[in-house]
């Protein structure tokens, strides 16, 4: 990445102050930083110097008012620091052999810049020379800002896309520039993407959570390193953010002002780009939805429509529909519109021909079978892992249909919906749930809702429910676990944390209430069906 060398800092600093001719013979007694910026110099000859001190000011005083009240002078130090004063310059004349040791020690403790002036120092000369230098540098800074602004405005006018504008801004401030837009999409130049490398998803994750962390990870010589970053919210309430990492050089106030002044132009360009992307995404999602609902006609027309909207669909391939179930309770609100860009980013990085849309909070995928007629569970695992990592969606399941020809995708979608509904009702939380996974539950779910089904369930389960309700017992749960454990009394007792004889007694009670023998294999089958019907209904 080639940037121009950064321009020297425009600020007038403590180091510059000490280098003035009028400061000849001055000694710095405390203060570990020489790069403290100074915005003005002022002579203050009152006891409460802090009341008149301004942020960034060099306070100059003879200390005459404190000649017999050194403790009051000491009290001024933390107050000057709190007021934001840059440095205190004092003459030692009134203190004979120099400034009081106790006073100097207090300044050292506070790490507050304290300068001892020579007795020959002329205050007016220090103020004049300082202000001339400050004014000269501010003038130069203003001119540099104007030059950068003119170059940027010219580049923005000639720019055809936000990435070109970002490249111009990167050149102007000698640092990478990232933009996280209101659609949760990370926009950057190719050079900045190279600096992120495989860390893109870590950055997106932090930005998605709107966490204003002071650093982000970037690659340096192939290794991830923490880089200080600055955030700039632009475009009002549009949610567009500029992120400037101090990758090559610290971001000085001059460049921050430049960013502030061009941000409204960049925001307008980003809003236009977002509007265009929304239209494109709308058509891509509309294609998927039209395909799922059978609105596109025959296979040839489907493939042509896919090509128009940027997808590759082949008449010779078979396709599956998959619905993502979110199993974690606090994420029951599922997927939102602002998640679409991140989902697209993940799928694009998987280099997979997976199409998707979000309908009523559900993430719906269209998966192309491989040449051998199967799909990649590994790809879905990666997708799940990255969705979870970036958006913290929690435990999820992919409810996957059988494979169908291109024109029959609506059948696949209906099957996936049925699998999704059954698995949610029955609490099935496997990573991939298919027709085969559900087994007999899928067939039972196809039965119509009528009185015969209700009567069947009531015949086997209602007497136990009513008895449990009246006597505060657990016959229904005992029977369910007993059947799940293959009618093994000992295993049932262990799971219920009950005595073996207690389970034997309960089973006998159940047989009396239902007037049947559970040892009969046919009876066990009917009871299991009744439980499964109750589960899915």
Protein backbone atom coordinates (compact mmCIF):
# COMPACT_ATOMS: atom_id res chain seq x y z
CA UNK A 1 0.00 0.00 0.00
CA UNK A 2 1.69 3.22 -1.10
CA UNK A 3 0.81 6.43 0.71
CA UNK A 4 2.62 9.76 0.60
CA UNK A 5 4.73 10.50 3.70
CA UNK A 6 2.68 12.35 6.31
CA UNK A 7 3.18 16.11 6.57
CA UNK A 8 4.90 17.26 9.76
CA UNK A 9 2.51 18.08 12.58
CA UNK A 10 1.25 21.67 12.41
CA UNK A 11 0.85 22.09 16.15
CA UNK A 12 3.13 24.41 18.12
CA UNK A 13 4.41 22.24 20.96
CA UNK A 14 6.30 22.51 24.24
CA UNK A 15 9.45 21.47 22.37
CA UNK A 16 8.98 24.36 19.94
CA UNK A 17 8.41 26.78 22.83
CA UNK A 18 11.68 25.79 24.49
CA UNK A 19 13.47 26.36 21.17
CA UNK A 20 12.42 30.02 20.84
CA UNK A 21 15.13 32.67 21.10
CA UNK A 22 13.14 34.47 23.82
CA UNK A 23 13.25 31.25 25.89
CA UNK A 24 17.05 31.05 25.93
CA UNK A 25 18.22 29.77 29.30
CA UNK A 26 14.82 28.32 30.28
CA UNK A 27 14.82 24.91 32.02
CA UNK A 28 12.11 22.24 31.86
CA UNK A 29 11.75 20.96 35.44
CA UNK A 30 8.82 18.55 34.99
CA UNK A 31 6.60 17.05 32.30
CA UNK A 32 7.50 13.88 30.39
CA UNK A 33 6.00 14.93 27.02
CA UNK A 34 7.53 17.51 24.72
CA UNK A 35 4.75 17.12 22.11
CA UNK A 36 2.12 18.86 24.25
CA UNK A 37 0.33 21.24 21.83
CA UNK A 38 0.22 24.95 22.74
CA UNK A 39 -2.52 27.10 21.24
CA UNK A 40 -1.61 30.46 22.80
CA UNK A 41 0.68 32.19 25.35
CA UNK A 42 -0.59 34.51 28.06
CA UNK A 43 0.86 36.40 31.03
CA UNK A 44 -1.20 35.90 34.20
CA UNK A 45 -0.33 37.89 37.33
CA UNK A 46 -3.15 36.96 39.70
CA UNK A 47 -3.34 34.53 42.60
CA UNK A 48 -6.02 32.34 40.98
CA UNK A 49 -4.21 31.67 37.72
CA UNK A 50 -6.35 28.62 36.94
CA UNK A 51 -9.47 30.78 36.73
CA UNK A 52 -7.98 32.59 33.72
CA UNK A 53 -6.11 29.74 32.08
CA UNK A 54 -7.51 28.27 28.86
CA UNK A 55 -7.09 24.81 27.40
CA UNK A 56 -3.78 24.49 25.54
CA UNK A 57 -2.44 27.74 26.97
CA UNK A 58 1.12 28.53 28.00
CA UNK A 59 0.71 30.40 31.31
CA UNK A 60 3.54 32.81 32.08
CA UNK A 61 3.96 34.46 35.50
CA UNK A 62 6.55 36.13 37.69
CA UNK A 63 5.08 34.44 40.76
CA UNK A 64 5.37 37.74 42.61
CA UNK A 65 1.99 37.27 44.31
CA UNK A 66 3.19 33.98 45.80
CA UNK A 67 6.50 35.21 47.19
CA UNK A 68 5.46 34.53 50.83
CA UNK A 69 2.65 32.04 50.08
CA UNK A 70 4.31 29.09 48.38
CA UNK A 71 1.53 26.71 49.48
CA UNK A 72 -0.99 28.70 47.37
CA UNK A 73 1.25 28.38 44.33
CA UNK A 74 1.41 24.62 44.89
CA UNK A 75 -2.39 24.48 44.98
CA UNK A 76 -2.52 26.09 41.53
CA UNK A 77 -0.81 23.16 39.80
CA UNK A 78 -3.68 20.61 39.84
CA UNK A 79 -6.13 23.40 39.04
CA UNK A 80 -4.12 24.50 36.02
CA UNK A 81 -3.90 20.88 34.89
CA UNK A 82 -7.66 20.47 35.29
CA UNK A 83 -8.23 23.63 33.25
CA UNK A 84 -6.19 22.08 30.42
CA UNK A 85 -3.26 24.49 30.57
CA UNK A 86 -0.33 23.23 28.50
CA UNK A 87 2.58 24.54 30.59
CA UNK A 88 3.41 26.95 33.43
CA UNK A 89 6.46 29.20 33.00
CA UNK A 90 7.77 30.96 36.15
CA UNK A 91 10.69 33.21 36.99
CA UNK A 92 12.72 32.19 40.06
CA UNK A 93 13.65 35.74 41.06
CA UNK A 94 11.26 35.88 43.98
CA UNK A 95 12.42 32.49 45.20
CA UNK A 96 16.15 33.31 45.25
CA UNK A 97 17.94 30.02 44.47
CA UNK A 98 15.21 28.82 42.10
CA UNK A 99 11.67 27.44 42.37
CA UNK A 100 10.82 25.70 45.69
CA UNK A 101 11.75 22.01 45.78
CA UNK A 102 8.34 21.07 47.18
CA UNK A 103 6.62 22.94 44.37
CA UNK A 104 8.77 21.27 41.69
CA UNK A 105 8.19 17.83 43.24
CA UNK A 106 4.42 18.38 43.10
CA UNK A 107 4.65 19.24 39.40
CA UNK A 108 6.69 16.08 38.82
CA UNK A 109 4.04 13.99 40.62
CA UNK A 110 1.34 15.48 38.40
CA UNK A 111 3.53 15.12 35.31
CA UNK A 112 2.56 18.72 34.57
CA UNK A 113 5.01 20.74 32.43
CA UNK A 114 6.82 23.32 34.54
CA UNK A 115 9.46 25.65 33.03
CA UNK A 116 11.85 27.82 35.03
CA UNK A 117 12.54 31.05 33.15
CA UNK A 118 15.83 32.91 33.43
CA UNK A 119 15.73 36.23 35.27
CA UNK A 120 16.51 37.98 31.98
CA UNK A 121 13.42 36.56 30.22
CA UNK A 122 11.11 39.19 28.72
CA UNK A 123 7.47 38.12 28.93
CA UNK A 124 6.33 40.29 26.03
CA UNK A 125 8.98 38.75 23.76
CA UNK A 126 7.93 35.19 24.72
CA UNK A 127 4.27 35.97 24.06
CA UNK A 128 4.99 37.75 20.77
CA UNK A 129 7.37 35.10 19.42
CA UNK A 130 5.07 32.26 20.52
CA UNK A 131 1.95 33.77 18.97
CA UNK A 132 3.77 34.57 15.73
CA UNK A 133 4.92 30.97 15.46
CA UNK A 134 1.47 29.63 16.40
CA UNK A 135 -0.16 31.91 13.80
CA UNK A 136 2.39 30.89 11.14
CA UNK A 137 1.75 27.20 11.73
CA UNK A 138 -2.02 27.64 11.80
CA UNK A 139 -1.78 29.47 8.48
CA UNK A 140 0.28 26.62 7.01
CA UNK A 141 -2.16 24.08 8.43
CA UNK A 142 -5.10 25.95 6.94
CA UNK A 143 -3.37 26.06 3.57
CA UNK A 144 -2.63 22.33 3.67
CA UNK A 145 -6.24 21.66 4.61
CA UNK A 146 -7.41 23.78 1.70
CA UNK A 147 -5.11 21.94 -0.68
CA UNK A 148 -6.35 18.56 0.58
CA UNK A 149 -9.95 19.73 0.35
CA UNK A 150 -9.51 20.87 -3.25
CA UNK A 151 -7.84 17.60 -4.23
CA UNK A 152 -10.52 15.55 -2.47
CA UNK A 153 -13.42 17.51 -3.92
CA UNK A 154 -11.94 17.11 -7.38
CA UNK A 155 -11.48 13.37 -6.79
CA UNK A 156 -15.01 13.03 -5.43
CA UNK A 157 -16.47 14.81 -8.45
CA UNK A 158 -14.67 12.42 -10.80
CA UNK A 159 -15.41 9.35 -8.68
CA UNK A 160 -17.77 6.72 -10.04
CA UNK A 161 -18.12 4.71 -6.84
CA UNK A 162 -17.47 5.04 -3.08
CA UNK A 163 -14.34 2.88 -3.27
CA UNK A 164 -12.65 5.44 -5.55
CA UNK A 165 -13.57 8.23 -3.13
CA UNK A 166 -12.17 6.24 -0.21
CA UNK A 167 -8.91 5.73 -2.12
CA UNK A 168 -8.60 9.52 -2.53
CA UNK A 169 -9.28 10.08 1.17
CA UNK A 170 -6.72 7.41 2.11
CA UNK A 171 -4.09 9.19 0.03
CA UNK A 172 -4.92 12.53 1.67
CA UNK A 173 -4.64 11.33 5.28
CA UNK A 174 -1.96 8.64 4.76
CA UNK A 175 -4.04 5.94 6.48
CA UNK A 176 -6.60 3.27 5.51
CA UNK A 177 -10.29 4.23 5.51
CA UNK A 178 -13.19 1.86 6.19
CA UNK A 179 -16.90 2.66 5.99
CA UNK A 180 -19.58 0.62 7.74
CA UNK A 181 -22.87 1.66 6.19
CA UNK A 182 -26.44 1.57 7.45
CA UNK A 183 -26.94 -1.80 5.75
CA UNK A 184 -24.17 -3.35 7.87
CA UNK A 185 -21.87 -3.62 4.88
CA UNK A 186 -18.16 -2.92 5.18
CA UNK A 187 -16.94 -0.76 2.30
CA UNK A 188 -13.19 -0.40 1.71
CA UNK A 189 -10.56 -0.21 -0.99
CA UNK A 190 -8.79 -3.30 -2.24
CA UNK A 191 -5.62 -2.18 -0.44
CA UNK A 192 -7.44 -1.88 2.89
CA UNK A 193 -9.04 -5.29 2.41
CA UNK A 194 -5.56 -6.70 2.05
CA UNK A 195 -4.61 -5.17 5.40
CA UNK A 196 -7.62 -6.87 6.96
CA UNK A 197 -7.09 -10.22 5.25
CA UNK A 198 -8.84 -12.97 7.17
CA UNK A 199 -9.66 -10.52 9.97
CA UNK A 200 -12.55 -8.92 8.05
CA UNK A 201 -15.16 -10.86 9.97
CA UNK A 202 -13.64 -9.86 13.32
CA UNK A 203 -13.94 -6.20 12.30
CA UNK A 204 -17.49 -6.65 10.96
CA UNK A 205 -18.47 -8.40 14.18
CA UNK A 206 -17.30 -5.47 16.32
CA UNK A 207 -18.88 -2.89 14.02
CA UNK A 208 -22.14 -4.88 13.83
CA UNK A 209 -22.40 -4.71 17.60
CA UNK A 210 -21.69 -0.95 17.42
CA UNK A 211 -18.85 -1.40 19.89
CA UNK A 212 -16.62 1.68 19.83
CA UNK A 213 -13.49 -0.17 20.81
CA UNK A 214 -10.28 1.90 20.80
CA UNK A 215 -8.47 -0.65 18.62
CA UNK A 216 -9.11 -3.10 15.79
CA UNK A 217 -6.93 -5.93 14.50
CA UNK A 218 -5.10 -5.53 11.20
CA UNK A 219 -2.37 -7.53 9.52
CA UNK A 220 1.18 -6.28 9.71
CA UNK A 221 3.84 -8.46 8.09
CA UNK A 222 1.29 -11.26 8.02
CA UNK A 223 0.53 -11.11 11.74
CA UNK A 224 -2.55 -9.59 13.46
CA UNK A 225 -1.75 -6.47 15.48
CA UNK A 226 -3.95 -4.05 17.39
CA UNK A 227 -4.18 -0.64 15.73
CA UNK A 228 -5.72 2.47 17.36
CA UNK A 229 -8.85 3.60 15.48
CA UNK A 230 -11.06 6.69 15.22
CA UNK A 231 -14.80 6.59 14.55
CA UNK A 232 -16.72 9.31 12.69
CA UNK A 233 -20.52 9.07 12.43
CA UNK A 234 -21.62 10.80 9.23
CA UNK A 235 -24.89 11.34 7.41
CA UNK A 236 -26.99 12.24 10.47
CA UNK A 237 -29.18 9.35 11.60
CA UNK A 238 -28.34 7.21 8.57
CA UNK A 239 -25.98 5.01 10.60
CA UNK A 240 -22.97 5.45 8.29
CA UNK A 241 -19.64 5.27 10.10
CA UNK A 242 -16.10 6.09 8.96
CA UNK A 243 -13.37 4.10 10.69
CA UNK A 244 -9.80 5.40 10.45
CA UNK A 245 -7.08 3.09 11.79
CA UNK A 246 -3.76 4.76 12.65
CA UNK A 247 -1.99 2.12 10.60
CA UNK A 248 0.80 4.29 9.18
CA UNK A 249 0.73 7.49 11.21
CA UNK A 250 -1.27 9.08 14.06
CA UNK A 251 -4.38 10.91 12.89
CA UNK A 252 -3.72 14.56 13.74
CA UNK A 253 -6.29 17.31 14.22
CA UNK A 254 -5.65 18.67 10.76
CA UNK A 255 -6.73 15.41 9.12
CA UNK A 256 -9.66 15.07 11.50
CA UNK A 257 -10.88 18.48 10.35
CA UNK A 258 -10.47 17.43 6.72
CA UNK A 259 -12.58 14.31 7.39
CA UNK A 260 -15.20 16.40 9.15
CA UNK A 261 -15.47 18.80 6.21
CA UNK A 262 -15.73 16.18 3.47
CA UNK A 263 -17.88 13.77 5.48
CA UNK A 264 -21.18 15.22 4.25
CA UNK A 265 -20.08 14.70 0.63
CA UNK A 266 -18.94 11.15 1.37
CA UNK A 267 -22.20 10.51 3.27
CA UNK A 268 -24.24 11.64 0.27
CA UNK A 269 -22.23 9.37 -2.02
CA UNK A 270 -22.63 6.45 0.38
CA UNK A 271 -26.39 7.03 0.59
CA UNK A 272 -26.64 6.98 -3.19
CA UNK A 273 -24.58 3.78 -3.34
CA UNK A 274 -26.74 2.21 -0.62
CA UNK A 275 -29.89 3.10 -2.58
CA UNK A 276 -28.47 1.45 -5.70
CA UNK A 277 -27.43 -1.64 -3.71
CA UNK A 278 -30.89 -1.85 -2.18
CA UNK A 279 -32.46 -1.96 -5.63
CA UNK A 280 -30.03 -4.65 -6.79
CA UNK A 281 -30.55 -6.68 -3.63
CA UNK A 282 -34.29 -6.29 -3.99
CA UNK A 283 -34.20 -7.85 -7.45
CA UNK A 284 -31.89 -10.67 -6.33
CA UNK A 285 -34.13 -11.48 -3.37
CA UNK A 286 -37.23 -11.09 -5.52
CA UNK A 287 -35.84 -13.69 -7.92
CA UNK A 288 -35.31 -16.18 -5.08
CA UNK A 289 -38.79 -15.53 -3.68
CA UNK A 290 -40.43 -15.80 -7.12
CA UNK A 291 -38.62 -19.09 -7.64
CA UNK A 292 -39.67 -20.43 -4.24
CA UNK A 293 -43.30 -19.52 -4.89
CA UNK A 294 -43.40 -20.85 -8.45
CA UNK A 295 -43.87 -17.53 -10.25
CA UNK A 296 -41.19 -17.95 -12.93
CA UNK A 297 -42.62 -20.63 -15.18
CA UNK A 298 -40.55 -23.41 -16.73
CA UNK A 299 -36.90 -24.31 -16.11
CA UNK A 300 -35.56 -22.30 -19.07
CA UNK A 301 -37.27 -19.11 -17.89
CA UNK A 302 -35.99 -19.68 -14.33
CA UNK A 303 -32.39 -19.97 -15.57
CA UNK A 304 -32.72 -16.83 -17.71
CA UNK A 305 -34.19 -14.87 -14.79
CA UNK A 306 -31.36 -16.07 -12.55
CA UNK A 307 -28.76 -14.89 -15.06
CA UNK A 308 -30.43 -11.46 -15.26
CA UNK A 309 -30.22 -11.08 -11.48
CA UNK A 310 -26.61 -12.26 -11.14
CA UNK A 311 -27.14 -15.90 -10.17
CA UNK A 312 -26.09 -19.11 -11.93
CA UNK A 313 -28.86 -21.71 -12.16
CA UNK A 314 -28.55 -24.79 -14.37
CA UNK A 315 -31.31 -26.95 -15.87
CA UNK A 316 -29.08 -29.99 -15.33
CA UNK A 317 -28.73 -29.49 -11.55
CA UNK A 318 -31.08 -30.22 -8.67
CA UNK A 319 -31.78 -27.84 -5.81
CA UNK A 320 -32.83 -27.92 -2.16
CA UNK A 321 -34.56 -25.35 0.01
CA UNK A 322 -33.35 -24.85 3.57
CA UNK A 323 -34.88 -22.81 6.39
CA UNK A 324 -32.70 -21.75 9.32
CA UNK A 325 -34.30 -22.30 12.72
CA UNK A 326 -32.90 -20.24 15.59
CA UNK A 327 -33.09 -22.40 18.69
CA UNK A 328 -31.85 -19.94 21.32
CA UNK A 329 -34.86 -18.32 23.06
CA UNK A 330 -33.49 -14.76 23.21
CA UNK A 331 -32.92 -14.83 19.45
CA UNK A 332 -36.47 -15.85 18.58
CA UNK A 333 -36.92 -12.57 16.66
CA UNK A 334 -34.69 -14.16 14.04
CA UNK A 335 -33.10 -12.38 11.11
CA UNK A 336 -33.63 -8.68 10.36
CA UNK A 337 -33.30 -6.70 7.14
CA UNK A 338 -30.03 -5.18 8.32
CA UNK A 339 -28.54 -8.69 8.56
CA UNK A 340 -28.81 -9.27 4.80
CA UNK A 341 -25.49 -7.61 3.88
CA UNK A 342 -23.59 -9.66 6.44
CA UNK A 343 -25.22 -12.89 5.24
CA UNK A 344 -24.27 -11.97 1.67
CA UNK A 345 -20.70 -11.20 2.77
CA UNK A 346 -20.38 -14.60 4.48
CA UNK A 347 -21.83 -16.56 1.57
CA UNK A 348 -19.65 -14.68 -0.92
CA UNK A 349 -16.52 -15.53 1.09
CA UNK A 350 -17.57 -19.19 1.19
CA UNK A 351 -17.30 -19.10 -2.62
CA UNK A 352 -20.52 -21.08 -2.78
CA UNK A 353 -23.52 -21.00 -5.09
CA UNK A 354 -25.96 -20.58 -2.22
CA UNK A 355 -28.86 -18.20 -2.86
CA UNK A 356 -30.93 -16.72 -0.06
CA UNK A 357 -33.67 -14.40 1.06
CA UNK A 358 -35.14 -13.29 4.38
CA UNK A 359 -38.89 -13.71 4.74
CA UNK A 360 -40.80 -12.83 7.90
CA UNK A 361 -37.62 -13.10 9.95
CA UNK A 362 -36.65 -16.47 8.45
CA UNK A 363 -33.41 -17.01 6.59
CA UNK A 364 -34.24 -19.18 3.57
CA UNK A 365 -31.48 -20.73 1.47
CA UNK A 366 -31.50 -22.33 -1.96
CA UNK A 367 -28.69 -24.89 -2.16
CA UNK A 368 -27.39 -26.40 -5.37
CA UNK A 369 -26.63 -30.12 -5.25
CA UNK A 370 -23.18 -31.22 -6.30
CA UNK A 371 -22.51 -33.26 -9.45
CA UNK A 372 -22.97 -36.46 -7.44
CA UNK A 373 -26.40 -35.38 -6.19
CA UNK A 374 -25.53 -34.28 -2.65
CA UNK A 375 -24.92 -30.98 -0.86
CA UNK A 376 -21.99 -29.79 1.22
CA UNK A 377 -22.72 -30.05 4.92
CA UNK A 378 -19.28 -28.54 5.49
CA UNK A 379 -20.36 -25.31 3.77
CA UNK A 380 -23.46 -25.10 5.96
CA UNK A 381 -21.34 -25.69 9.05
CA UNK A 382 -19.07 -22.80 8.06
CA UNK A 383 -22.09 -20.61 7.35
CA UNK A 384 -23.56 -21.44 10.75
CA UNK A 385 -20.25 -20.79 12.47
CA UNK A 386 -19.81 -17.38 10.84
CA UNK A 387 -23.44 -16.29 11.38
CA UNK A 388 -23.00 -17.19 15.01
CA UNK A 389 -19.64 -15.46 15.33
CA UNK A 390 -20.60 -12.15 13.73
CA UNK A 391 -24.26 -11.82 14.75
CA UNK A 392 -24.38 -13.99 17.87
CA UNK A 393 -27.51 -15.83 16.71
CA UNK A 394 -26.89 -18.74 19.03
CA UNK A 395 -27.76 -22.38 18.36
CA UNK A 396 -29.38 -22.94 14.95
CA UNK A 397 -30.58 -25.75 12.71
CA UNK A 398 -30.76 -26.03 8.92
CA UNK A 399 -34.09 -27.62 7.92
CA UNK A 400 -33.23 -29.06 4.50
CA UNK A 401 -35.59 -30.44 1.87
CA UNK A 402 -34.95 -33.27 -0.56
CA UNK A 403 -33.40 -32.27 -3.90
CA UNK A 404 -35.74 -31.29 -6.73
CA UNK A 405 -35.41 -30.26 -10.37
CA UNK A 406 -35.20 -26.53 -11.11
CA UNK A 407 -38.90 -26.08 -11.83
CA UNK A 408 -39.97 -27.96 -8.68
CA UNK A 409 -38.23 -25.76 -6.10
CA UNK A 410 -41.65 -24.69 -4.67
CA UNK A 411 -42.15 -28.32 -3.57
CA UNK A 412 -38.75 -28.23 -1.88
CA UNK A 413 -39.70 -25.00 -0.10
CA UNK A 414 -42.97 -26.45 1.19
CA UNK A 415 -41.13 -29.51 2.47
CA UNK A 416 -38.51 -27.35 4.19
CA UNK A 417 -41.29 -25.31 5.85
CA UNK A 418 -42.89 -28.49 7.14
CA UNK A 419 -39.55 -29.78 8.46
CA UNK A 420 -38.90 -26.41 10.12
CA UNK A 421 -42.32 -26.32 11.81
CA UNK A 422 -42.11 -29.90 13.08
CA UNK A 423 -38.55 -29.55 14.39
CA UNK A 424 -39.47 -26.34 16.26
CA UNK A 425 -42.56 -27.93 17.83
CA UNK A 426 -40.71 -31.07 18.78
CA UNK A 427 -37.56 -29.34 20.03
CA UNK A 428 -35.28 -31.06 17.50
CA UNK A 429 -32.00 -29.11 17.41
CA UNK A 430 -29.65 -31.01 15.15
CA UNK A 431 -27.39 -29.02 12.87
CA UNK A 432 -29.00 -30.46 9.72
CA UNK A 433 -32.60 -31.73 9.87
CA UNK A 434 -34.04 -33.59 6.88
CA UNK A 435 -37.09 -35.68 6.06
CA UNK A 436 -35.16 -38.77 7.14
CA UNK A 437 -34.17 -37.12 10.44
CA UNK A 438 -37.81 -36.58 11.44
CA UNK A 439 -38.82 -40.12 10.58
CA UNK A 440 -42.45 -40.88 11.43
CA UNK A 441 -42.98 -37.34 12.78
CA UNK A 442 -43.00 -36.04 9.21
CA UNK A 443 -45.71 -38.50 8.14
CA UNK A 444 -47.84 -37.79 11.20
CA UNK A 445 -47.62 -34.06 10.51
CA UNK A 446 -49.27 -34.65 7.13
CA UNK A 447 -52.44 -35.97 8.81
CA UNK A 448 -55.33 -33.49 8.75
CA UNK A 449 -56.63 -31.80 11.88
CA UNK A 450 -59.90 -33.62 12.60
CA UNK A 451 -61.84 -35.24 15.42
CA UNK A 452 -60.46 -38.69 14.71
CA UNK A 453 -56.91 -37.55 15.49
CA UNK A 454 -58.03 -35.86 18.71
CA UNK A 455 -60.00 -38.93 19.78
CA UNK A 456 -56.98 -41.13 19.16
CA UNK A 457 -54.76 -38.95 21.38
CA UNK A 458 -57.45 -38.68 24.08
CA UNK A 459 -57.89 -42.43 24.18
CA UNK A 460 -54.31 -42.96 25.38
CA UNK A 461 -53.19 -39.69 26.97
CA UNK A 462 -56.18 -37.86 28.41
CA UNK A 463 -56.82 -40.24 31.35
CA UNK A 464 -53.19 -39.85 32.45
CA UNK A 465 -53.25 -36.04 32.10
CA UNK A 466 -56.43 -35.78 34.16
CA UNK A 467 -55.13 -38.15 36.83
CA UNK A 468 -51.82 -36.25 37.10
CA UNK A 469 -53.68 -32.96 37.39
CA UNK A 470 -55.98 -34.23 40.12
CA UNK A 471 -53.37 -36.13 42.18
CA UNK A 472 -50.16 -34.20 41.41
CA UNK A 473 -48.51 -37.34 40.05
CA UNK A 474 -46.23 -37.87 37.05
CA UNK A 475 -47.74 -40.86 35.27
CA UNK A 476 -47.62 -39.25 31.81
CA UNK A 477 -43.89 -38.41 32.06
CA UNK A 478 -43.17 -41.83 33.52
CA UNK A 479 -44.85 -43.53 30.58
CA UNK A 480 -43.09 -41.32 28.02
CA UNK A 481 -39.63 -42.00 29.47
CA UNK A 482 -40.46 -45.69 29.94
CA UNK A 483 -41.26 -46.02 26.22
CA UNK A 484 -38.20 -43.95 25.18
CA UNK A 485 -36.01 -46.33 27.22
CA UNK A 486 -37.39 -49.40 25.46
CA UNK A 487 -39.62 -50.29 28.45
CA UNK A 488 -36.55 -50.71 30.66
CA UNK A 489 -37.71 -50.17 34.24
CA UNK A 490 -34.22 -49.71 35.72
CA UNK A 491 -33.16 -47.01 33.19
CA UNK A 492 -36.49 -45.23 33.66
CA UNK A 493 -35.99 -45.17 37.44
CA UNK A 494 -32.51 -43.72 37.01
CA UNK A 495 -33.72 -40.92 34.72
CA UNK A 496 -36.62 -40.11 37.05
CA UNK A 497 -34.40 -40.33 40.14
CA UNK A 498 -36.97 -42.75 41.58
CA UNK A 499 -36.89 -46.19 43.15
CA UNK A 500 -37.27 -49.20 40.89
CA UNK A 501 -40.44 -50.30 42.73
CA UNK A 502 -41.94 -46.81 42.32
CA UNK A 503 -41.70 -47.11 38.53
CA UNK A 504 -43.18 -50.62 38.65
CA UNK A 505 -46.11 -49.28 40.71
CA UNK A 506 -46.68 -46.36 38.32
CA UNK A 507 -46.70 -48.61 35.23
CA UNK A 508 -49.31 -50.80 36.92
CA UNK A 509 -51.40 -47.68 37.65
CA UNK A 510 -51.13 -46.62 34.00
CA UNK A 511 -52.27 -50.03 32.78
CA UNK A 512 -55.32 -49.89 35.08
CA UNK A 513 -56.26 -46.36 33.97
CA UNK A 514 -55.91 -47.16 30.27
CA UNK A 515 -57.22 -50.72 30.56
CA UNK A 516 -54.42 -52.22 28.49
CA UNK A 517 -51.14 -54.10 28.82
CA UNK A 518 -48.03 -52.08 28.05
CA UNK A 519 -46.01 -55.25 27.55
CA UNK A 520 -47.92 -55.74 24.29
CA UNK A 521 -45.79 -54.56 21.32
CA UNK A 522 -48.81 -53.23 19.39
CA UNK A 523 -49.91 -51.25 22.44
CA UNK A 524 -46.44 -49.72 22.76
CA UNK A 525 -46.60 -48.62 19.10
CA UNK A 526 -50.00 -46.96 19.61
CA UNK A 527 -48.79 -45.18 22.73
CA UNK A 528 -45.71 -43.90 20.92
CA UNK A 529 -47.84 -42.60 18.05
CA UNK A 530 -50.14 -40.87 20.52
CA UNK A 531 -47.16 -39.12 22.16
CA UNK A 532 -45.77 -38.01 18.78
CA UNK A 533 -49.16 -36.71 17.64
CA UNK A 534 -49.44 -34.77 20.88
CA UNK A 535 -45.96 -33.37 20.34
CA UNK A 536 -46.54 -32.05 16.81
CA UNK A 537 -50.12 -30.86 17.41
